[in-house]
Amino acid sequence: MRKRIDDNVYNIGSNIRTARMRADLTQEEMSERIGVTPQYLSDLERGLVGTSIPTLIKICTDLNISADFILFGSSREISQANSTLIEKIQRLPKHKAEMAERILNLFMEAMDMNPDQRTK
């Protein structure tokens, strides 16, 4: 049995697995989408192997998540409250995350409206 490389690689793999499962994808589906073998993705998720930057970019793009989420488990550049909200949205399946984004955009547009412009 192979040993995992180190805790950082293990955490990255665990974050990839979490994001993949939240996107409701099997390892086979995701590996096909990002151009790797299912065995490699399995090893990556278990922290047995590292990944290249191009593969990391493919993973982030395919799962619609930030590299911060994969590398650190959250986005370190934003407040904790924003981070929590973003992480909740990132955990949603892709179609539900897109729906949440549309709702938030509509809400933000409504917040910017002049009270005289609102319909009663």
Protein backbone atom coordinates (compact mmCIF):
# COMPACT_ATOMS: atom_id res chain seq x y z
CA MET A 1 0.00 0.00 0.00
CA ARG A 2 1.33 3.44 -0.97
CA LYS A 3 1.76 6.15 1.64
CA ARG A 4 0.38 9.62 1.24
CA ILE A 5 2.95 12.29 0.41
CA ASP A 6 2.24 14.73 3.26
CA ASP A 7 -0.61 16.43 5.08
CA ASN A 8 -0.81 19.31 2.59
CA VAL A 9 -1.22 16.95 -0.36
CA TYR A 10 -3.73 14.92 1.64
CA ASN A 11 -5.76 18.07 2.44
CA ILE A 12 -5.71 19.14 -1.22
CA GLY A 13 -6.94 15.70 -2.24
CA SER A 14 -9.63 15.76 0.41
CA ASN A 15 -10.80 19.20 -0.79
CA ILE A 16 -10.93 17.92 -4.38
CA ARG A 17 -12.98 14.90 -3.26
CA THR A 18 -15.35 17.15 -1.28
CA ALA A 19 -15.85 19.49 -4.25
CA ARG A 20 -16.34 16.57 -6.67
CA MET A 21 -18.93 14.94 -4.44
CA ARG A 22 -20.77 18.25 -3.97
CA ALA A 23 -20.89 18.53 -7.76
CA ASP A 24 -22.48 15.06 -7.75
CA LEU A 25 -19.78 13.57 -9.99
CA THR A 26 -18.24 10.12 -9.79
CA GLN A 27 -14.48 9.75 -10.04
CA GLU A 28 -14.98 8.25 -13.49
CA GLU A 29 -17.08 11.19 -14.70
CA MET A 30 -14.71 13.80 -13.35
CA SER A 31 -11.56 12.05 -14.54
CA GLU A 32 -12.98 11.94 -18.06
CA ARG A 33 -13.91 15.63 -17.91
CA ILE A 34 -10.43 16.75 -16.77
CA GLY A 35 -8.44 14.27 -18.87
CA VAL A 36 -6.90 11.99 -16.23
CA THR A 37 -7.42 8.35 -15.36
CA PRO A 38 -9.87 7.34 -12.63
CA GLN A 39 -6.95 5.71 -10.78
CA TYR A 40 -4.95 8.95 -10.82
CA LEU A 41 -7.95 10.92 -9.50
CA SER A 42 -8.46 8.32 -6.78
CA ASP A 43 -4.79 8.53 -5.79
CA LEU A 44 -4.97 12.34 -5.86
CA GLU A 45 -8.04 12.43 -3.62
CA ARG A 46 -6.33 10.09 -1.13
CA GLY A 47 -3.17 12.21 -1.02
CA LEU A 48 -0.99 9.57 -2.64
CA VAL A 49 0.09 11.81 -5.53
CA GLY A 50 0.34 15.52 -6.18
CA THR A 51 -0.97 17.35 -9.21
CA SER A 52 0.29 19.76 -11.82
CA ILE A 53 -0.87 23.35 -12.15
CA PRO A 54 -2.63 22.64 -15.50
CA THR A 55 -4.57 19.77 -13.89
CA LEU A 56 -5.42 21.94 -10.87
CA ILE A 57 -6.76 24.59 -13.24
CA LYS A 58 -8.88 21.97 -15.04
CA ILE A 59 -10.26 20.76 -11.70
CA CYS A 60 -11.12 24.29 -10.54
CA THR A 61 -12.69 25.18 -13.88
CA ASP A 62 -14.70 21.97 -14.11
CA LEU A 63 -15.98 22.20 -10.53
CA ASN A 64 -16.43 25.99 -10.71
CA ILE A 65 -14.41 26.54 -7.53
CA SER A 66 -11.42 28.64 -6.60
CA ALA A 67 -7.90 27.32 -6.20
CA ASP A 68 -8.04 28.75 -2.66
CA PHE A 69 -10.80 26.27 -1.86
CA ILE A 70 -8.71 23.37 -3.20
CA LEU A 71 -5.44 24.52 -1.62
CA PHE A 72 -6.69 25.88 1.70
CA GLY A 73 -10.26 24.64 2.11
CA SER A 74 -11.62 28.19 1.78
CA SER A 75 -10.83 31.55 0.30
CA ARG A 76 -8.43 33.28 2.69
CA GLU A 77 -8.87 36.69 1.07
CA ILE A 78 -12.41 37.36 2.22
CA SER A 79 -14.18 37.80 5.53
CA GLN A 80 -15.33 34.75 7.47
CA ALA A 81 -19.01 35.57 6.87
CA ASN A 82 -18.46 35.87 3.13
CA SER A 83 -16.30 32.78 3.16
CA THR A 84 -19.05 30.77 4.83
CA LEU A 85 -21.64 31.90 2.30
CA ILE A 86 -19.33 31.23 -0.64
CA GLU A 87 -18.41 27.79 0.70
CA LYS A 88 -22.10 26.90 1.07
CA ILE A 89 -22.70 27.89 -2.54
CA GLN A 90 -19.57 26.00 -3.68
CA ARG A 91 -20.90 22.86 -2.02
CA LEU A 92 -24.06 22.96 -4.11
CA PRO A 93 -24.38 20.96 -7.31
CA LYS A 94 -23.44 23.16 -10.27
CA HIS A 95 -27.02 23.80 -11.43
CA LYS A 96 -28.10 24.83 -7.93
CA ALA A 97 -25.04 27.09 -7.52
CA GLU A 98 -25.97 28.79 -10.80
CA MET A 99 -29.52 29.25 -9.53
CA ALA A 100 -28.21 30.79 -6.27
CA GLU A 101 -26.04 33.15 -8.30
CA ARG A 102 -29.04 34.27 -10.38
CA ILE A 103 -31.08 34.84 -7.21
CA LEU A 104 -28.27 36.84 -5.61
CA ASN A 105 -27.87 38.94 -8.77
CA LEU A 106 -31.61 39.69 -8.79
CA PHE A 107 -31.45 40.57 -5.09
CA MET A 108 -28.50 42.89 -5.65
CA GLU A 109 -30.30 44.59 -8.54
CA ALA A 110 -33.37 45.06 -6.33
CA MET A 111 -31.20 46.55 -3.55
CA ASP A 112 -29.80 49.11 -5.99
CA MET A 113 -33.24 50.17 -7.21
CA ASN A 114 -34.57 53.55 -6.30
CA PRO A 115 -37.69 53.09 -4.08
CA ASP A 116 -39.71 54.99 -6.71
CA GLN A 117 -38.76 52.40 -9.33
CA ARG A 118 -40.15 49.43 -7.37
CA THR A 119 -43.53 48.06 -8.30
CA LYS A 120 -46.09 47.83 -5.55
